[in-house]
Amino acid sequence: MADPDEHPTDLPECPSVQGEGLLPAELRAWMVMLAATGAVERRLHAVVKERLDVSHDEFLVLCLLAEQPGGVRMTRIAELLSRPKTRLTYQIACLQHAGLVTRRSVCGDKRGVEVDLTDKARRLLEEASGQLAETVARELTRFMGPAQCEAMRALMPDVAEEQPAE
C-alpha cells in the first residue's frame, strides 16, 4: 500500500493522466477523480473521527442532512448514499445515541421515517467545517495535476493555485 504522506511528484505519474492509453478522455478523467476522492476520503477518516467522533459513513449522513433543512426520509438517504437500509438504520441509531440526529414518523405514512440534525450536530459541523474543507482542498491539490486542479477550481475556488511543496 502506498505511503499516504508521499507526495505525488515522488511517484510515477498515473497512466490515466498521461492520455496515451486506450481510454477516452471521459474515462481517464473518471479514473483521476476516483483516485483523488479516494485520497481525500483516506485523510478525512482521521479528521472526522478526531473532530466529530463519528465514522466516515456516519459523517456522510451528517453532511447529507446538513444540506437538506427540515429532514430527509431514511429511504432517500439510503438511495443517495447507496447504502443498504439495514446498515443505514444502524448508523442512524448510533448518530441518535450520540445526540446528533432525531428521527420522527412521516405524517400520513406509517412506514416513513424522517431524520434531521440536532442543534448539537449543526454546531459540531460548523466548528469542524473549516478543517474538513482544508483537508479536502489539500488532498486534491496533492494528488491532482495542474490541469485537474484548474478544472476543480471551477467547483471549489479554494483549491490551491500551486502544488504544495513538501
N, C-alpha and C. Protein backbone atom coordinates (compact mmCIF):
# COMPACT_ATOMS: atom_id res chain seq x y z
N MET A 1 0.84 -1.18 0.00
CA MET A 1 0.00 0.00 0.00
C MET A 1 0.88 1.24 0.00
N ALA A 2 0.52 2.26 -0.73
CA ALA A 2 1.32 3.47 -0.86
C ALA A 2 1.30 4.27 0.42
N ASP A 3 2.40 4.94 0.71
CA ASP A 3 2.51 5.80 1.88
C ASP A 3 1.67 7.05 1.65
N PRO A 4 0.69 7.33 2.56
CA PRO A 4 -0.19 8.48 2.34
C PRO A 4 0.53 9.82 2.48
N ASP A 5 1.73 9.81 3.08
CA ASP A 5 2.47 11.07 3.22
C ASP A 5 3.39 11.34 2.05
N GLU A 6 3.50 10.37 1.16
CA GLU A 6 4.34 10.53 -0.01
C GLU A 6 3.70 11.55 -0.95
N HIS A 7 4.47 12.46 -1.44
CA HIS A 7 3.94 13.47 -2.37
C HIS A 7 3.85 12.85 -3.74
N PRO A 8 2.77 13.15 -4.49
CA PRO A 8 2.59 12.53 -5.80
C PRO A 8 3.73 12.76 -6.76
N THR A 9 4.48 13.86 -6.62
CA THR A 9 5.59 14.08 -7.54
C THR A 9 6.71 13.09 -7.29
N ASP A 10 6.69 12.43 -6.11
CA ASP A 10 7.68 11.40 -5.81
C ASP A 10 7.31 10.07 -6.44
N LEU A 11 6.11 9.98 -6.95
CA LEU A 11 5.60 8.74 -7.51
C LEU A 11 5.56 8.84 -9.03
N PRO A 12 5.58 7.70 -9.73
CA PRO A 12 5.42 7.77 -11.18
C PRO A 12 4.04 8.32 -11.50
N GLU A 13 3.95 9.07 -12.59
CA GLU A 13 2.67 9.66 -12.97
C GLU A 13 1.67 8.56 -13.29
N CYS A 14 0.44 8.78 -12.87
CA CYS A 14 -0.64 7.83 -13.13
C CYS A 14 -0.84 7.71 -14.64
N PRO A 15 -0.86 6.49 -15.18
CA PRO A 15 -1.02 6.33 -16.64
C PRO A 15 -2.29 6.99 -17.18
N SER A 16 -3.35 7.01 -16.38
CA SER A 16 -4.60 7.60 -16.89
C SER A 16 -4.49 9.11 -17.06
N VAL A 17 -3.54 9.75 -16.39
CA VAL A 17 -3.35 11.19 -16.54
C VAL A 17 -2.63 11.51 -17.84
N GLN A 18 -1.78 10.61 -18.29
CA GLN A 18 -0.96 10.86 -19.47
C GLN A 18 -1.77 10.91 -20.75
N GLY A 19 -2.88 10.22 -20.82
CA GLY A 19 -3.72 10.25 -22.01
C GLY A 19 -3.17 9.49 -23.18
N GLU A 20 -2.29 8.53 -22.94
CA GLU A 20 -1.68 7.78 -24.04
C GLU A 20 -2.25 6.38 -24.17
N GLY A 21 -3.22 6.01 -23.34
CA GLY A 21 -3.76 4.66 -23.35
C GLY A 21 -4.97 4.54 -24.27
N LEU A 22 -5.72 3.50 -24.06
CA LEU A 22 -6.88 3.20 -24.89
C LEU A 22 -8.13 3.95 -24.47
N LEU A 23 -8.16 4.47 -23.26
CA LEU A 23 -9.39 5.07 -22.74
C LEU A 23 -9.67 6.45 -23.32
N PRO A 24 -10.94 6.74 -23.56
CA PRO A 24 -11.31 8.10 -23.97
C PRO A 24 -11.14 9.06 -22.80
N ALA A 25 -11.12 10.35 -23.09
CA ALA A 25 -10.86 11.38 -22.08
C ALA A 25 -11.82 11.29 -20.89
N GLU A 26 -13.08 10.96 -21.16
CA GLU A 26 -14.07 10.88 -20.07
C GLU A 26 -13.70 9.80 -19.06
N LEU A 27 -13.26 8.65 -19.54
CA LEU A 27 -12.88 7.57 -18.63
C LEU A 27 -11.57 7.88 -17.91
N ARG A 28 -10.62 8.52 -18.60
CA ARG A 28 -9.39 8.95 -17.94
C ARG A 28 -9.71 9.92 -16.81
N ALA A 29 -10.59 10.89 -17.11
CA ALA A 29 -10.97 11.87 -16.09
C ALA A 29 -11.66 11.19 -14.91
N TRP A 30 -12.51 10.22 -15.20
CA TRP A 30 -13.21 9.49 -14.14
C TRP A 30 -12.20 8.76 -13.25
N MET A 31 -11.19 8.14 -13.85
CA MET A 31 -10.18 7.42 -13.07
C MET A 31 -9.39 8.38 -12.18
N VAL A 32 -9.06 9.55 -12.68
CA VAL A 32 -8.35 10.55 -11.87
C VAL A 32 -9.25 11.00 -10.72
N MET A 33 -10.53 11.24 -11.01
CA MET A 33 -11.46 11.65 -9.96
C MET A 33 -11.58 10.58 -8.88
N LEU A 34 -11.70 9.33 -9.27
CA LEU A 34 -11.81 8.26 -8.29
C LEU A 34 -10.58 8.19 -7.39
N ALA A 35 -9.42 8.29 -8.01
CA ALA A 35 -8.18 8.23 -7.23
C ALA A 35 -8.07 9.43 -6.29
N ALA A 36 -8.42 10.62 -6.77
CA ALA A 36 -8.33 11.82 -5.93
C ALA A 36 -9.34 11.77 -4.78
N THR A 37 -10.56 11.34 -5.06
CA THR A 37 -11.55 11.27 -3.98
C THR A 37 -11.18 10.18 -2.99
N GLY A 38 -10.55 9.12 -3.45
CA GLY A 38 -10.06 8.09 -2.52
C GLY A 38 -9.01 8.66 -1.57
N ALA A 39 -8.11 9.49 -2.10
CA ALA A 39 -7.10 10.13 -1.25
C ALA A 39 -7.75 11.06 -0.23
N VAL A 40 -8.76 11.81 -0.67
CA VAL A 40 -9.48 12.70 0.25
C VAL A 40 -10.14 11.89 1.35
N GLU A 41 -10.82 10.83 0.98
CA GLU A 41 -11.52 10.02 1.98
C GLU A 41 -10.57 9.42 3.00
N ARG A 42 -9.40 8.95 2.55
CA ARG A 42 -8.43 8.37 3.48
C ARG A 42 -8.00 9.41 4.53
N ARG A 43 -7.76 10.63 4.09
CA ARG A 43 -7.35 11.68 5.03
C ARG A 43 -8.50 12.12 5.94
N LEU A 44 -9.70 12.18 5.37
CA LEU A 44 -10.86 12.63 6.15
C LEU A 44 -11.21 11.67 7.28
N HIS A 45 -10.96 10.38 7.11
CA HIS A 45 -11.30 9.41 8.16
C HIS A 45 -10.77 9.86 9.51
N ALA A 46 -9.51 10.20 9.58
CA ALA A 46 -8.89 10.58 10.85
C ALA A 46 -9.43 11.92 11.36
N VAL A 47 -9.56 12.88 10.46
CA VAL A 47 -10.03 14.21 10.87
C VAL A 47 -11.46 14.14 11.37
N VAL A 48 -12.30 13.38 10.70
CA VAL A 48 -13.70 13.22 11.10
C VAL A 48 -13.79 12.55 12.47
N LYS A 49 -13.01 11.51 12.67
CA LYS A 49 -13.02 10.80 13.97
C LYS A 49 -12.57 11.73 15.08
N GLU A 50 -11.51 12.48 14.82
CA GLU A 50 -10.96 13.38 15.83
C GLU A 50 -11.91 14.54 16.14
N ARG A 51 -12.44 15.17 15.12
CA ARG A 51 -13.27 16.37 15.31
C ARG A 51 -14.71 16.09 15.68
N LEU A 52 -15.30 15.02 15.11
CA LEU A 52 -16.73 14.76 15.30
C LEU A 52 -17.02 13.48 16.08
N ASP A 53 -16.00 12.64 16.23
CA ASP A 53 -16.14 11.36 16.92
C ASP A 53 -17.23 10.47 16.30
N VAL A 54 -17.25 10.44 14.97
CA VAL A 54 -18.17 9.55 14.24
C VAL A 54 -17.37 8.84 13.15
N SER A 55 -17.95 7.79 12.61
CA SER A 55 -17.30 7.08 11.50
C SER A 55 -17.44 7.91 10.22
N HIS A 56 -16.68 7.54 9.21
CA HIS A 56 -16.77 8.25 7.94
C HIS A 56 -18.16 8.11 7.33
N ASP A 57 -18.74 6.92 7.39
CA ASP A 57 -20.09 6.73 6.85
C ASP A 57 -21.12 7.57 7.61
N GLU A 58 -20.98 7.66 8.92
CA GLU A 58 -21.89 8.50 9.71
C GLU A 58 -21.70 9.97 9.35
N PHE A 59 -20.46 10.35 9.08
CA PHE A 59 -20.17 11.72 8.66
C PHE A 59 -20.88 12.04 7.35
N LEU A 60 -20.90 11.09 6.41
CA LEU A 60 -21.59 11.32 5.15
C LEU A 60 -23.08 11.54 5.37
N VAL A 61 -23.67 10.82 6.30
CA VAL A 61 -25.08 11.03 6.64
C VAL A 61 -25.27 12.44 7.19
N LEU A 62 -24.38 12.86 8.09
CA LEU A 62 -24.49 14.21 8.67
C LEU A 62 -24.37 15.28 7.58
N CYS A 63 -23.44 15.10 6.65
CA CYS A 63 -23.26 16.07 5.56
C CYS A 63 -24.51 16.14 4.68
N LEU A 64 -25.08 14.99 4.39
CA LEU A 64 -26.30 14.96 3.58
C LEU A 64 -27.43 15.71 4.29
N LEU A 65 -27.58 15.46 5.58
CA LEU A 65 -28.64 16.13 6.34
C LEU A 65 -28.37 17.63 6.48
N ALA A 66 -27.10 18.01 6.56
CA ALA A 66 -26.75 19.43 6.69
C ALA A 66 -27.19 20.23 5.48
N GLU A 67 -27.26 19.58 4.33
CA GLU A 67 -27.64 20.26 3.09
C GLU A 67 -29.14 20.18 2.81
N GLN A 68 -29.89 19.53 3.69
CA GLN A 68 -31.33 19.35 3.50
C GLN A 68 -32.09 19.81 4.74
N PRO A 69 -32.29 21.10 4.90
CA PRO A 69 -33.00 21.56 6.10
C PRO A 69 -34.41 20.96 6.17
N GLY A 70 -34.81 20.60 7.37
CA GLY A 70 -36.15 20.04 7.55
C GLY A 70 -36.18 18.53 7.58
N GLY A 71 -35.07 17.88 7.37
CA GLY A 71 -35.02 16.43 7.45
C GLY A 71 -35.14 15.73 6.11
N VAL A 72 -34.74 14.46 6.12
CA VAL A 72 -34.74 13.62 4.92
C VAL A 72 -35.26 12.23 5.32
N ARG A 73 -36.04 11.66 4.45
CA ARG A 73 -36.55 10.30 4.69
C ARG A 73 -35.41 9.30 4.65
N MET A 74 -35.51 8.29 5.48
CA MET A 74 -34.46 7.26 5.55
C MET A 74 -34.28 6.59 4.18
N THR A 75 -35.36 6.32 3.47
CA THR A 75 -35.23 5.66 2.16
C THR A 75 -34.44 6.54 1.20
N ARG A 76 -34.63 7.84 1.28
CA ARG A 76 -33.91 8.77 0.39
C ARG A 76 -32.42 8.82 0.76
N ILE A 77 -32.12 8.82 2.06
CA ILE A 77 -30.71 8.81 2.50
C ILE A 77 -30.03 7.54 1.98
N ALA A 78 -30.69 6.40 2.15
CA ALA A 78 -30.12 5.13 1.68
C ALA A 78 -29.86 5.19 0.17
N GLU A 79 -30.79 5.77 -0.55
CA GLU A 79 -30.65 5.88 -2.01
C GLU A 79 -29.49 6.80 -2.39
N LEU A 80 -29.43 7.98 -1.77
CA LEU A 80 -28.39 8.96 -2.12
C LEU A 80 -26.99 8.50 -1.75
N LEU A 81 -26.87 7.73 -0.66
CA LEU A 81 -25.55 7.26 -0.22
C LEU A 81 -25.26 5.83 -0.66
N SER A 82 -26.18 5.25 -1.42
CA SER A 82 -26.03 3.86 -1.89
C SER A 82 -25.73 2.92 -0.73
N ARG A 83 -26.55 3.02 0.31
CA ARG A 83 -26.39 2.18 1.50
C ARG A 83 -27.59 1.25 1.64
N PRO A 84 -27.35 0.02 2.08
CA PRO A 84 -28.49 -0.85 2.41
C PRO A 84 -29.28 -0.23 3.57
N LYS A 85 -30.57 -0.37 3.55
CA LYS A 85 -31.41 0.24 4.58
C LYS A 85 -31.08 -0.27 5.97
N THR A 86 -30.72 -1.56 6.08
CA THR A 86 -30.40 -2.10 7.41
C THR A 86 -29.13 -1.46 7.97
N ARG A 87 -28.15 -1.25 7.13
CA ARG A 87 -26.90 -0.61 7.58
C ARG A 87 -27.17 0.84 7.97
N LEU A 88 -27.98 1.52 7.17
CA LEU A 88 -28.32 2.90 7.47
C LEU A 88 -29.09 3.00 8.79
N THR A 89 -29.98 2.07 9.05
CA THR A 89 -30.73 2.07 10.30
C THR A 89 -29.78 2.01 11.49
N TYR A 90 -28.75 1.18 11.39
CA TYR A 90 -27.75 1.08 12.45
C TYR A 90 -26.98 2.40 12.60
N GLN A 91 -26.56 2.99 11.49
CA GLN A 91 -25.81 4.25 11.54
C GLN A 91 -26.66 5.36 12.15
N ILE A 92 -27.91 5.44 11.77
CA ILE A 92 -28.81 6.46 12.31
C ILE A 92 -28.99 6.24 13.81
N ALA A 93 -29.11 4.99 14.23
CA ALA A 93 -29.24 4.69 15.67
C ALA A 93 -28.01 5.17 16.43
N CYS A 94 -26.83 4.95 15.87
CA CYS A 94 -25.58 5.42 16.50
C CYS A 94 -25.56 6.94 16.59
N LEU A 95 -25.95 7.60 15.51
CA LEU A 95 -25.98 9.07 15.50
C LEU A 95 -27.03 9.61 16.47
N GLN A 96 -28.15 8.92 16.57
CA GLN A 96 -29.19 9.34 17.50
C GLN A 96 -28.71 9.15 18.94
N HIS A 97 -28.06 8.04 19.22
CA HIS A 97 -27.50 7.78 20.55
C HIS A 97 -26.48 8.86 20.95
N ALA A 98 -25.73 9.37 19.97
CA ALA A 98 -24.74 10.42 20.22
C ALA A 98 -25.38 11.80 20.31
N GLY A 99 -26.68 11.89 20.08
CA GLY A 99 -27.37 13.17 20.16
C GLY A 99 -27.19 14.05 18.92
N LEU A 100 -26.87 13.42 17.79
CA LEU A 100 -26.59 14.20 16.58
C LEU A 100 -27.75 14.25 15.59
N VAL A 101 -28.68 13.30 15.68
CA VAL A 101 -29.85 13.31 14.80
C VAL A 101 -31.10 12.96 15.60
N THR A 102 -32.22 13.33 15.02
CA THR A 102 -33.52 12.92 15.55
C THR A 102 -34.25 12.15 14.46
N ARG A 103 -35.13 11.26 14.90
CA ARG A 103 -35.99 10.52 13.97
C ARG A 103 -37.44 10.81 14.32
N ARG A 104 -38.27 10.89 13.28
CA ARG A 104 -39.69 11.07 13.51
C ARG A 104 -40.46 10.39 12.39
N SER A 105 -41.68 9.97 12.71
CA SER A 105 -42.55 9.36 11.71
C SER A 105 -43.03 10.43 10.74
N VAL A 106 -43.18 10.03 9.50
CA VAL A 106 -43.69 10.93 8.48
C VAL A 106 -45.21 10.91 8.56
N CYS A 107 -45.79 12.08 8.65
CA CYS A 107 -47.24 12.21 8.76
C CYS A 107 -47.92 11.56 7.56
N GLY A 108 -48.89 10.68 7.84
CA GLY A 108 -49.64 10.05 6.76
C GLY A 108 -48.98 8.83 6.16
N ASP A 109 -47.81 8.42 6.67
CA ASP A 109 -47.11 7.26 6.14
C ASP A 109 -46.58 6.45 7.33
N LYS A 110 -47.25 5.35 7.65
CA LYS A 110 -46.88 4.56 8.84
C LYS A 110 -45.44 4.07 8.79
N ARG A 111 -44.95 3.77 7.60
CA ARG A 111 -43.60 3.21 7.47
C ARG A 111 -42.53 4.26 7.29
N GLY A 112 -42.91 5.48 6.95
CA GLY A 112 -41.93 6.51 6.65
C GLY A 112 -41.28 7.09 7.90
N VAL A 113 -39.96 7.23 7.86
CA VAL A 113 -39.20 7.83 8.96
C VAL A 113 -38.32 8.92 8.37
N GLU A 114 -38.35 10.07 9.01
CA GLU A 114 -37.55 11.21 8.58
C GLU A 114 -36.48 11.49 9.63
N VAL A 115 -35.29 11.85 9.16
CA VAL A 115 -34.14 12.10 10.04
C VAL A 115 -33.71 13.55 9.85
N ASP A 116 -33.33 14.18 10.95
CA ASP A 116 -32.86 15.56 10.90
C ASP A 116 -31.70 15.75 11.87
N LEU A 117 -30.88 16.76 11.62
CA LEU A 117 -29.77 17.08 12.52
C LEU A 117 -30.29 17.76 13.78
N THR A 118 -29.57 17.54 14.87
CA THR A 118 -29.85 18.27 16.10
C THR A 118 -29.02 19.55 16.09
N ASP A 119 -29.32 20.43 17.02
CA ASP A 119 -28.52 21.65 17.15
C ASP A 119 -27.07 21.31 17.48
N LYS A 120 -26.87 20.25 18.28
CA LYS A 120 -25.51 19.82 18.63
C LYS A 120 -24.74 19.45 17.37
N ALA A 121 -25.37 18.69 16.47
CA ALA A 121 -24.70 18.28 15.23
C ALA A 121 -24.39 19.49 14.36
N ARG A 122 -25.33 20.41 14.26
CA ARG A 122 -25.10 21.62 13.46
C ARG A 122 -23.90 22.41 14.00
N ARG A 123 -23.83 22.52 15.32
CA ARG A 123 -22.71 23.25 15.95
C ARG A 123 -21.38 22.55 15.67
N LEU A 124 -21.35 21.21 15.86
CA LEU A 124 -20.12 20.46 15.61
C LEU A 124 -19.67 20.55 14.16
N LEU A 125 -20.61 20.44 13.23
CA LEU A 125 -20.27 20.56 11.81
C LEU A 125 -19.73 21.95 11.49
N GLU A 126 -20.36 22.95 12.06
CA GLU A 126 -19.90 24.32 11.81
C GLU A 126 -18.48 24.53 12.35
N GLU A 127 -18.22 24.01 13.54
CA GLU A 127 -16.89 24.14 14.15
C GLU A 127 -15.82 23.37 13.38
N ALA A 128 -16.18 22.23 12.82
CA ALA A 128 -15.20 21.37 12.14
C ALA A 128 -15.08 21.66 10.65
N SER A 129 -16.02 22.39 10.09
CA SER A 129 -16.07 22.52 8.62
C SER A 129 -14.82 23.17 8.03
N GLY A 130 -14.22 24.13 8.71
CA GLY A 130 -13.00 24.76 8.19
C GLY A 130 -11.87 23.77 8.02
N GLN A 131 -11.61 22.98 9.06
CA GLN A 131 -10.54 21.99 8.99
C GLN A 131 -10.86 20.90 7.97
N LEU A 132 -12.12 20.51 7.90
CA LEU A 132 -12.51 19.48 6.92
C LEU A 132 -12.34 20.00 5.50
N ALA A 133 -12.74 21.24 5.24
CA ALA A 133 -12.58 21.83 3.91
C ALA A 133 -11.11 21.96 3.54
N GLU A 134 -10.27 22.35 4.49
CA GLU A 134 -8.82 22.45 4.24
C GLU A 134 -8.25 21.08 3.89
N THR A 135 -8.70 20.06 4.58
CA THR A 135 -8.24 18.69 4.31
C THR A 135 -8.59 18.28 2.89
N VAL A 136 -9.81 18.57 2.47
CA VAL A 136 -10.25 18.23 1.12
C VAL A 136 -9.40 18.97 0.08
N ALA A 137 -9.27 20.28 0.24
CA ALA A 137 -8.50 21.08 -0.73
C ALA A 137 -7.05 20.62 -0.79
N ARG A 138 -6.44 20.38 0.37
CA ARG A 138 -5.03 19.97 0.42
C ARG A 138 -4.83 18.63 -0.29
N GLU A 139 -5.70 17.66 -0.02
CA GLU A 139 -5.55 16.35 -0.63
C GLU A 139 -5.79 16.37 -2.13
N LEU A 140 -6.75 17.17 -2.57
CA LEU A 140 -6.98 17.27 -4.02
C LEU A 140 -5.76 17.85 -4.72
N THR A 141 -5.17 18.90 -4.15
CA THR A 141 -4.01 19.52 -4.80
C THR A 141 -2.77 18.64 -4.69
N ARG A 142 -2.71 17.78 -3.67
CA ARG A 142 -1.57 16.85 -3.56
C ARG A 142 -1.65 15.78 -4.63
N PHE A 143 -2.84 15.41 -5.01
CA PHE A 143 -3.00 14.26 -5.88
C PHE A 143 -3.18 14.63 -7.34
N MET A 144 -3.89 15.70 -7.61
CA MET A 144 -4.25 16.04 -8.98
C MET A 144 -3.18 16.93 -9.62
N GLY A 145 -3.05 16.80 -10.90
CA GLY A 145 -2.11 17.62 -11.65
C GLY A 145 -2.67 19.02 -11.87
N PRO A 146 -1.86 19.93 -12.44
CA PRO A 146 -2.29 21.32 -12.64
C PRO A 146 -3.57 21.46 -13.46
N ALA A 147 -3.74 20.68 -14.52
CA ALA A 147 -4.95 20.79 -15.35
C ALA A 147 -6.19 20.35 -14.56
N GLN A 148 -6.05 19.28 -13.78
CA GLN A 148 -7.18 18.81 -13.00
C GLN A 148 -7.51 19.80 -11.88
N CYS A 149 -6.50 20.39 -11.26
CA CYS A 149 -6.73 21.41 -10.22
C CYS A 149 -7.45 22.62 -10.80
N GLU A 150 -7.06 23.01 -11.99
CA GLU A 150 -7.72 24.14 -12.65
C GLU A 150 -9.20 23.85 -12.87
N ALA A 151 -9.51 22.65 -13.33
CA ALA A 151 -10.91 22.27 -13.52
C ALA A 151 -11.64 22.21 -12.19
N MET A 152 -10.99 21.72 -11.15
CA MET A 152 -11.61 21.60 -9.84
C MET A 152 -11.89 22.97 -9.23
N ARG A 153 -11.07 23.97 -9.54
CA ARG A 153 -11.29 25.32 -9.00
C ARG A 153 -12.63 25.90 -9.45
N ALA A 154 -13.16 25.43 -10.57
CA ALA A 154 -14.49 25.88 -11.00
C ALA A 154 -15.55 25.43 -10.00
N LEU A 155 -15.32 24.30 -9.35
CA LEU A 155 -16.25 23.79 -8.33
C LEU A 155 -15.87 24.24 -6.93
N MET A 156 -14.58 24.30 -6.64
CA MET A 156 -14.07 24.65 -5.31
C MET A 156 -12.99 25.71 -5.46
N PRO A 157 -13.34 26.98 -5.35
CA PRO A 157 -12.37 28.05 -5.58
C PRO A 157 -11.17 28.02 -4.64
N ASP A 158 -11.28 27.37 -3.48
CA ASP A 158 -10.19 27.37 -2.52
C ASP A 158 -9.12 26.31 -2.79
N VAL A 159 -9.27 25.53 -3.86
CA VAL A 159 -8.21 24.57 -4.20
C VAL A 159 -7.00 25.41 -4.61
N ALA A 160 -5.88 25.10 -4.02
CA ALA A 160 -4.66 25.91 -4.17
C ALA A 160 -4.26 26.08 -5.63
N GLU A 161 -3.66 27.23 -5.92
CA GLU A 161 -3.19 27.52 -7.27
C GLU A 161 -2.00 26.64 -7.66
N GLU A 162 -1.14 26.34 -6.70
CA GLU A 162 0.06 25.57 -7.00
C GLU A 162 0.08 24.32 -6.16
N GLN A 163 0.82 23.33 -6.62
CA GLN A 163 1.01 22.13 -5.84
C GLN A 163 1.80 22.49 -4.59
N PRO A 164 1.42 21.99 -3.41
CA PRO A 164 2.16 22.33 -2.19
C PRO A 164 3.55 21.72 -2.21
N ALA A 165 4.51 22.46 -1.66
CA ALA A 165 5.87 21.94 -1.54
C ALA A 165 5.96 21.14 -0.26
N GLU A 166 6.53 19.97 -0.32
CA GLU A 166 6.67 19.14 0.89
C GLU A 166 8.06 18.62 1.00
